[in-house]
């Protein structure tokens, strides 16, 4: 009979240990962010501040500005020298 009781005590201690591990895991998984979108936004902001993504590139804006300047110069040249003969 004593041999049968020994595993029950072992099971009880395993259950107590498992509950303690679950409590620690729950504390470790606690998150200060209310949603995954908020977490992602914070991570991206932190990485940008660290320079991970590099400088912001505004190629399209530079291209449109350059094209506008070229067209304006072409119009000015056309008015100065007249239509080609």
Protein backbone atom coordinates (compact mmCIF):
# COMPACT_ATOMS: atom_id res chain seq x y z
CA UNK A 1 0.00 0.00 0.00
CA UNK A 2 2.82 2.34 0.78
CA UNK A 3 4.21 1.80 -2.73
CA UNK A 4 0.95 3.02 -4.27
CA UNK A 5 0.88 6.21 -2.22
CA UNK A 6 4.34 7.29 -3.24
CA UNK A 7 3.42 8.05 -6.88
CA UNK A 8 0.43 10.09 -5.72
CA UNK A 9 2.69 12.37 -3.69
CA UNK A 10 4.98 12.65 -6.69
CA UNK A 11 2.06 13.62 -8.89
CA UNK A 12 0.96 16.25 -6.36
CA UNK A 13 4.42 17.82 -6.31
CA UNK A 14 4.51 17.74 -10.11
CA UNK A 15 1.17 19.54 -10.25
CA UNK A 16 2.40 22.20 -7.81
CA UNK A 17 5.59 22.67 -9.82
CA UNK A 18 3.59 22.89 -13.05
CA UNK A 19 1.34 25.56 -11.57
CA UNK A 20 4.38 27.55 -10.47
CA UNK A 21 5.91 27.30 -13.95
CA UNK A 22 2.62 28.40 -15.52
CA UNK A 23 2.46 31.44 -13.23
CA UNK A 24 6.01 32.42 -14.18
CA UNK A 25 5.31 31.91 -17.87
CA UNK A 26 2.21 34.08 -17.64
CA UNK A 27 4.23 36.84 -16.04
CA UNK A 28 6.91 36.53 -18.70
CA UNK A 29 4.37 36.78 -21.51
CA UNK A 30 2.66 39.88 -20.15
CA UNK A 31 2.77 42.66 -22.75
CA UNK A 32 2.44 46.41 -22.31
CA UNK A 33 0.92 46.82 -25.77
CA UNK A 34 -2.81 46.46 -26.27
CA UNK A 35 -2.57 45.13 -29.83
CA UNK A 36 -0.08 43.68 -32.26
CA UNK A 37 -0.37 46.80 -34.44
CA UNK A 38 0.76 48.93 -31.51
CA UNK A 39 3.71 46.60 -30.90
CA UNK A 40 4.69 46.70 -34.59
CA UNK A 41 4.50 50.50 -34.67
CA UNK A 42 6.73 50.73 -31.60
CA UNK A 43 9.26 48.30 -33.08
CA UNK A 44 9.42 50.17 -36.37
CA UNK A 45 9.81 53.53 -34.59
CA UNK A 46 12.59 52.12 -32.45
CA UNK A 47 14.38 50.64 -35.46
CA UNK A 48 14.08 53.88 -37.41
CA UNK A 49 15.56 55.77 -34.47
CA UNK A 50 18.44 53.29 -34.45
CA UNK A 51 19.03 53.86 -38.18
CA UNK A 52 18.20 50.32 -39.28
CA UNK A 53 16.19 51.42 -42.31
CA UNK A 54 18.69 54.06 -43.43
CA UNK A 55 17.86 57.56 -44.64
CA UNK A 56 14.44 58.26 -46.08
CA UNK A 57 14.48 58.26 -49.82
CA UNK A 58 12.30 60.62 -51.78
CA UNK A 59 13.15 59.55 -55.30
CA UNK A 60 9.71 60.17 -56.73
CA UNK A 61 9.61 63.72 -55.36
CA UNK A 62 13.09 64.47 -56.72
CA UNK A 63 12.16 62.98 -60.11
CA UNK A 64 8.97 65.05 -60.40
CA UNK A 65 10.79 68.23 -59.37
CA UNK A 66 13.56 67.60 -61.89
CA UNK A 67 11.06 66.88 -64.66
CA UNK A 68 9.20 70.10 -63.82
CA UNK A 69 12.41 72.13 -64.00
CA UNK A 70 13.34 70.55 -67.35
CA UNK A 71 9.92 71.29 -68.81
CA UNK A 72 10.03 74.89 -67.51
CA UNK A 73 13.47 75.41 -69.07
CA UNK A 74 12.28 73.94 -72.36
CA UNK A 75 9.33 76.36 -72.41
CA UNK A 76 11.60 79.32 -71.63
CA UNK A 77 14.04 78.32 -74.36
CA UNK A 78 11.14 77.90 -76.80
CA UNK A 79 9.86 81.41 -76.05
CA UNK A 80 13.32 82.98 -76.27
CA UNK A 81 14.47 81.38 -79.52
CA UNK A 82 11.07 80.82 -81.12
CA UNK A 83 9.82 77.70 -82.84
CA UNK A 84 12.37 75.64 -84.69
CA UNK A 85 12.53 76.43 -88.38
